[in-house]
Amino acid sequence: MVKLSEIVNQKHELLMRETFSRPVLNRSEDMSEDQKDRYIDYLADRVTNLDLDNRAMGLVLEDFLKAQQQLQEEMAALRSGQEKLQSQLIEETRKRKAAERKSQRLDECLKQANADRFGDKRQKVKKEQGKGEEPDRNKEKDDFDGTDDTLRTARNGDGLSSPF
């Protein structure tokens, strides 16, 4: 507002400095006193109206400048809000990526734990090395002589044997 008023003052000074020649003509020379009074009233009204117009334009200009200042303040507030939102977005993005990495690590740990606990999807049956081959029934019958030594003890898989 100060800048604009300075510009208006500068223009006003420039207009006052201008030199222009005024006609030496006397306009009221042939007028009667009544006509002169009416002409003076007309010119006074005209000056008053121009002054009112000038003041009205000044008030409109002040209102415009106030509105412009308010808009600039709002823009500054919006910019600061935008910067705040951008920083929040960056922080949320960082947190989301960290959570995704953590989730991926936990998924890998869960897969490993499930593999350790349940094994592969394929079931592997491992034979115990101490058992050897399955006992042959016919051979057992042939080897049986009625003593306890000839009975096999690990035939049923539970460590107990039955003669039948």
C-alpha atoms as a PDB file:
ATOM      1  CA  MET A   1       0.000   0.000   0.000  1.00  0.00           C
ATOM      2  CA  VAL A   2       2.851   2.367   0.822  1.00  0.00           C
ATOM      3  CA  LYS A   3       4.470   1.629  -2.503  1.00  0.00           C
ATOM      4  CA  LEU A   4       1.280   2.387  -4.400  1.00  0.00           C
ATOM      5  CA  SER A   5       0.686   5.657  -2.527  1.00  0.00           C
ATOM      6  CA  GLU A   6       4.267   6.693  -3.320  1.00  0.00           C
ATOM      7  CA  ILE A   7       3.609   6.048  -7.003  1.00  0.00           C
ATOM      8  CA  VAL A   8       0.414   8.132  -6.862  1.00  0.00           C
ATOM      9  CA  ASN A   9       2.288  10.992  -5.144  1.00  0.00           C
ATOM     10  CA  GLN A  10       5.036  10.872  -7.765  1.00  0.00           C
ATOM     11  CA  LYS A  11       2.494  11.052 -10.579  1.00  0.00           C
ATOM     12  CA  HIS A  12       0.757  13.943  -8.835  1.00  0.00           C
ATOM     13  CA  GLU A  13       4.038  15.854  -8.570  1.00  0.00           C
ATOM     14  CA  LEU A  14       4.809  15.197 -12.216  1.00  0.00           C
ATOM     15  CA  LEU A  15       1.435  16.566 -13.229  1.00  0.00           C
ATOM     16  CA  MET A  16       1.959  19.679 -11.102  1.00  0.00           C
ATOM     17  CA  ARG A  17       5.362  20.330 -12.680  1.00  0.00           C
ATOM     18  CA  GLU A  18       4.076  20.164 -16.188  1.00  0.00           C
ATOM     19  CA  THR A  19       3.947  23.494 -17.793  1.00  0.00           C
ATOM     20  CA  PHE A  20       1.247  24.222 -20.209  1.00  0.00           C
ATOM     21  CA  SER A  21       0.102  27.481 -21.581  1.00  0.00           C
ATOM     22  CA  ARG A  22      -3.233  28.779 -20.416  1.00  0.00           C
ATOM     23  CA  PRO A  23      -5.279  30.710 -22.776  1.00  0.00           C
ATOM     24  CA  VAL A  24      -5.507  34.367 -21.981  1.00  0.00           C
ATOM     25  CA  LEU A  25      -9.165  34.196 -22.763  1.00  0.00           C
ATOM     26  CA  ASN A  26     -11.573  35.549 -20.179  1.00  0.00           C
ATOM     27  CA  ARG A  27     -14.644  33.357 -20.306  1.00  0.00           C
ATOM     28  CA  SER A  28     -16.844  35.415 -18.090  1.00  0.00           C
ATOM     29  CA  GLU A  29     -16.402  38.660 -19.993  1.00  0.00           C
ATOM     30  CA  ASP A  30     -19.790  38.638 -21.721  1.00  0.00           C
ATOM     31  CA  MET A  31     -21.733  37.063 -18.838  1.00  0.00           C
ATOM     32  CA  SER A  32     -24.160  38.663 -16.524  1.00  0.00           C
ATOM     33  CA  GLU A  33     -23.706  38.396 -12.754  1.00  0.00           C
ATOM     34  CA  ASP A  34     -26.412  35.735 -12.514  1.00  0.00           C
ATOM     35  CA  GLN A  35     -24.757  33.674 -15.241  1.00  0.00           C
ATOM     36  CA  LYS A  36     -21.391  34.032 -13.525  1.00  0.00           C
ATOM     37  CA  ASP A  37     -22.856  32.807 -10.228  1.00  0.00           C
ATOM     38  CA  ARG A  38     -24.426  29.784 -11.899  1.00  0.00           C
ATOM     39  CA  TYR A  39     -21.177  29.047 -13.756  1.00  0.00           C
ATOM     40  CA  ILE A  40     -19.203  29.283 -10.507  1.00  0.00           C
ATOM     41  CA  ASP A  41     -21.700  26.944  -8.807  1.00  0.00           C
ATOM     42  CA  TYR A  42     -21.397  24.536 -11.718  1.00  0.00           C
ATOM     43  CA  LEU A  43     -17.591  24.543 -11.514  1.00  0.00           C
ATOM     44  CA  ALA A  44     -17.680  24.151  -7.709  1.00  0.00           C
ATOM     45  CA  ASP A  45     -20.066  21.192  -8.026  1.00  0.00           C
ATOM     46  CA  ARG A  46     -17.837  19.693 -10.663  1.00  0.00           C
ATOM     47  CA  VAL A  47     -14.731  20.047  -8.436  1.00  0.00           C
ATOM     48  CA  THR A  48     -16.649  18.573  -5.507  1.00  0.00           C
ATOM     49  CA  ASN A  49     -17.792  15.601  -7.599  1.00  0.00           C
ATOM     50  CA  LEU A  50     -14.284  15.030  -8.899  1.00  0.00           C
ATOM     51  CA  ASP A  51     -12.941  15.191  -5.339  1.00  0.00           C
ATOM     52  CA  LEU A  52     -15.588  12.691  -4.185  1.00  0.00           C
ATOM     53  CA  ASP A  53     -14.739  10.421  -7.096  1.00  0.00           C
ATOM     54  CA  ASN A  54     -11.058  10.693  -6.218  1.00  0.00           C
ATOM     55  CA  ARG A  55     -11.703   9.833  -2.551  1.00  0.00           C
ATOM     56  CA  ALA A  56     -14.011   6.958  -3.534  1.00  0.00           C
ATOM     57  CA  MET A  57     -11.317   5.540  -5.799  1.00  0.00           C
ATOM     58  CA  GLY A  58      -8.835   5.886  -2.939  1.00  0.00           C
ATOM     59  CA  LEU A  59     -11.142   3.938  -0.633  1.00  0.00           C
ATOM     60  CA  VAL A  60     -11.675   1.276  -3.277  1.00  0.00           C
ATOM     61  CA  LEU A  61      -7.935   1.082  -3.741  1.00  0.00           C
ATOM     62  CA  GLU A  62      -7.443   0.677   0.027  1.00  0.00           C
ATOM     63  CA  ASP A  63     -10.068  -2.085   0.117  1.00  0.00           C
ATOM     64  CA  PHE A  64      -8.373  -3.766  -2.810  1.00  0.00           C
ATOM     65  CA  LEU A  65      -4.977  -3.553  -1.130  1.00  0.00           C
ATOM     66  CA  LYS A  66      -6.411  -4.941   2.134  1.00  0.00           C
ATOM     67  CA  ALA A  67      -7.975  -7.831   0.224  1.00  0.00           C
ATOM     68  CA  GLN A  68      -4.679  -8.425  -1.566  1.00  0.00           C
ATOM     69  CA  GLN A  69      -2.794  -8.420   1.753  1.00  0.00           C
ATOM     70  CA  GLN A  70      -5.321 -10.870   3.213  1.00  0.00           C
ATOM     71  CA  LEU A  71      -4.931 -13.147   0.186  1.00  0.00           C
ATOM     72  CA  GLN A  72      -1.162 -13.029   0.548  1.00  0.00           C
ATOM     73  CA  GLU A  73      -1.455 -14.001   4.219  1.00  0.00           C
ATOM     74  CA  GLU A  74      -3.788 -16.859   3.298  1.00  0.00           C
ATOM     75  CA  MET A  75      -1.348 -17.999   0.612  1.00  0.00           C
ATOM     76  CA  ALA A  76       1.471 -17.966   3.163  1.00  0.00           C
ATOM     77  CA  ALA A  77      -0.683 -20.024   5.553  1.00  0.00           C
ATOM     78  CA  LEU A  78      -1.521 -22.460   2.739  1.00  0.00           C
ATOM     79  CA  ARG A  79       2.141 -22.781   1.822  1.00  0.00           C
ATOM     80  CA  SER A  80       3.106 -23.534   5.402  1.00  0.00           C
ATOM     81  CA  GLY A  81       0.252 -26.062   5.578  1.00  0.00           C
ATOM     82  CA  GLN A  82       1.441 -27.607   2.330  1.00  0.00           C
ATOM     83  CA  GLU A  83       4.992 -27.869   3.669  1.00  0.00           C
ATOM     84  CA  LYS A  84       3.658 -29.472   6.845  1.00  0.00           C
ATOM     85  CA  LEU A  85       1.618 -31.967   4.814  1.00  0.00           C
ATOM     86  CA  GLN A  86       4.630 -32.759   2.644  1.00  0.00           C
ATOM     87  CA  SER A  87       6.776 -33.431   5.684  1.00  0.00           C
ATOM     88  CA  GLN A  88       4.022 -35.637   7.138  1.00  0.00           C
ATOM     89  CA  LEU A  89       3.769 -37.483   3.814  1.00  0.00           C
ATOM     90  CA  ILE A  90       7.522 -38.060   3.781  1.00  0.00           C
ATOM     91  CA  GLU A  91       7.399 -39.310   7.374  1.00  0.00           C
ATOM     92  CA  GLU A  92       4.434 -41.608   6.655  1.00  0.00           C
ATOM     93  CA  THR A  93       6.161 -42.949   3.543  1.00  0.00           C
ATOM     94  CA  ARG A  94       9.284 -43.659   5.578  1.00  0.00           C
ATOM     95  CA  LYS A  95       7.228 -45.424   8.247  1.00  0.00           C
ATOM     96  CA  ARG A  96       5.326 -47.442   5.631  1.00  0.00           C
ATOM     97  CA  LYS A  97       8.538 -48.594   3.970  1.00  0.00           C
ATOM     98  CA  ALA A  98       9.994 -49.562   7.343  1.00  0.00           C
ATOM     99  CA  ALA A  99       6.816 -51.513   8.139  1.00  0.00           C
ATOM    100  CA  GLU A 100       6.967 -53.246   4.758  1.00  0.00           C
ATOM    101  CA  ARG A 101      10.588 -54.253   5.366  1.00  0.00           C
ATOM    102  CA  LYS A 102       9.708 -55.515   8.834  1.00  0.00           C
ATOM    103  CA  SER A 103       6.735 -57.444   7.438  1.00  0.00           C
ATOM    104  CA  GLN A 104       8.939 -59.002   4.799  1.00  0.00           C
ATOM    105  CA  ARG A 105      11.501 -60.040   7.434  1.00  0.00           C
ATOM    106  CA  LEU A 106       8.755 -61.496   9.624  1.00  0.00           C
ATOM    107  CA  ASP A 107       7.297 -63.405   6.651  1.00  0.00           C
ATOM    108  CA  GLU A 108      10.730 -64.872   5.956  1.00  0.00           C
ATOM    109  CA  CYS A 109      11.131 -65.823   9.624  1.00  0.00           C
ATOM    110  CA  LEU A 110       7.656 -67.410   9.602  1.00  0.00           C
ATOM    111  CA  LYS A 111       8.471 -69.420   6.477  1.00  0.00           C
ATOM    112  CA  GLN A 112      11.718 -70.578   8.055  1.00  0.00           C
ATOM    113  CA  ALA A 113       9.959 -71.465  11.329  1.00  0.00           C
ATOM    114  CA  ASN A 114       7.233 -73.364   9.465  1.00  0.00           C
ATOM    115  CA  ALA A 115       9.843 -75.212   7.426  1.00  0.00           C
ATOM    116  CA  ASP A 116      11.735 -76.104  10.603  1.00  0.00           C
ATOM    117  CA  ARG A 117       8.598 -77.199  12.400  1.00  0.00           C
ATOM    118  CA  PHE A 118       6.608 -78.918   9.676  1.00  0.00           C
ATOM    119  CA  GLY A 119       9.269 -79.726   7.128  1.00  0.00           C
ATOM    120  CA  ASP A 120       8.884 -79.547   3.412  1.00  0.00           C
ATOM    121  CA  LYS A 121       5.634 -79.956   1.592  1.00  0.00           C
ATOM    122  CA  ARG A 122       6.984 -83.311   0.488  1.00  0.00           C
ATOM    123  CA  GLN A 123       6.953 -85.914   3.191  1.00  0.00           C
ATOM    124  CA  LYS A 124      10.189 -87.749   3.553  1.00  0.00           C
ATOM    125  CA  VAL A 125      10.279 -90.969   5.444  1.00  0.00           C
ATOM    126  CA  LYS A 126      13.704 -91.663   6.782  1.00  0.00           C
ATOM    127  CA  LYS A 127      14.591 -95.180   7.810  1.00  0.00           C
ATOM    128  CA  GLU A 128      16.383 -95.475  11.073  1.00  0.00           C
ATOM    129  CA  GLN A 129      19.893 -96.707  10.559  1.00  0.00           C
ATOM    130  CA  GLY A 130      19.884 -99.038  13.558  1.00  0.00           C
ATOM    131  CA  LYS A 131      16.839-101.057  12.411  1.00  0.00           C
ATOM    132  CA  GLY A 132      18.157-102.464   9.224  1.00  0.00           C
ATOM    133  CA  GLU A 133      15.757-104.434   7.092  1.00  0.00           C
ATOM    134  CA  GLU A 134      12.285-105.652   8.009  1.00  0.00           C
ATOM    135  CA  PRO A 135      12.287-109.024   9.737  1.00  0.00           C
ATOM    136  CA  ASP A 136      11.355-111.985   7.638  1.00  0.00           C
ATOM    137  CA  ARG A 137       8.545-114.091   9.188  1.00  0.00           C
ATOM    138  CA  ASN A 138       9.587-117.352   7.629  1.00  0.00           C
ATOM    139  CA  LYS A 139      13.129-116.939   8.824  1.00  0.00           C
ATOM    140  CA  GLU A 140      11.878-116.222  12.334  1.00  0.00           C
ATOM    141  CA  LYS A 141       9.829-119.431  12.337  1.00  0.00           C
ATOM    142  CA  ASP A 142      12.779-121.449  11.205  1.00  0.00           C
ATOM    143  CA  ASP A 143      15.094-119.939  13.807  1.00  0.00           C
ATOM    144  CA  PHE A 144      12.661-120.384  16.706  1.00  0.00           C
ATOM    145  CA  ASP A 145      13.603-123.221  19.022  1.00  0.00           C
ATOM    146  CA  GLY A 146      11.419-122.274  22.008  1.00  0.00           C
ATOM    147  CA  THR A 147      13.912-120.283  24.023  1.00  0.00           C
ATOM    148  CA  ASP A 148      13.648-116.591  24.838  1.00  0.00           C
ATOM    149  CA  ASP A 149      16.835-115.753  22.982  1.00  0.00           C
ATOM    150  CA  THR A 150      15.339-116.667  19.636  1.00  0.00           C
ATOM    151  CA  LEU A 151      12.444-114.215  20.004  1.00  0.00           C
ATOM    152  CA  ARG A 152      12.761-110.883  18.270  1.00  0.00           C
ATOM    153  CA  THR A 153      12.068-107.912  20.550  1.00  0.00           C
ATOM    154  CA  ALA A 154      11.536-105.067  18.042  1.00  0.00           C
ATOM    155  CA  ARG A 155       9.000-106.681  15.774  1.00  0.00           C
ATOM    156  CA  ASN A 156       5.939-104.524  16.468  1.00  0.00           C
ATOM    157  CA  GLY A 157       7.854-101.264  16.485  1.00  0.00           C
ATOM    158  CA  ASP A 158       7.021-100.560  20.137  1.00  0.00           C
ATOM    159  CA  GLY A 159       9.778-102.624  21.670  1.00  0.00           C
ATOM    160  CA  LEU A 160       7.413-105.442  22.781  1.00  0.00           C
ATOM    161  CA  SER A 161       7.097-108.711  21.034  1.00  0.00           C
ATOM    162  CA  SER A 162       4.454-111.280  20.965  1.00  0.00           C
ATOM    163  CA  PRO A 163       4.979-114.841  19.887  1.00  0.00           C
ATOM    164  CA  PHE A 164       1.828-114.762  17.808  1.00  0.00           C
END
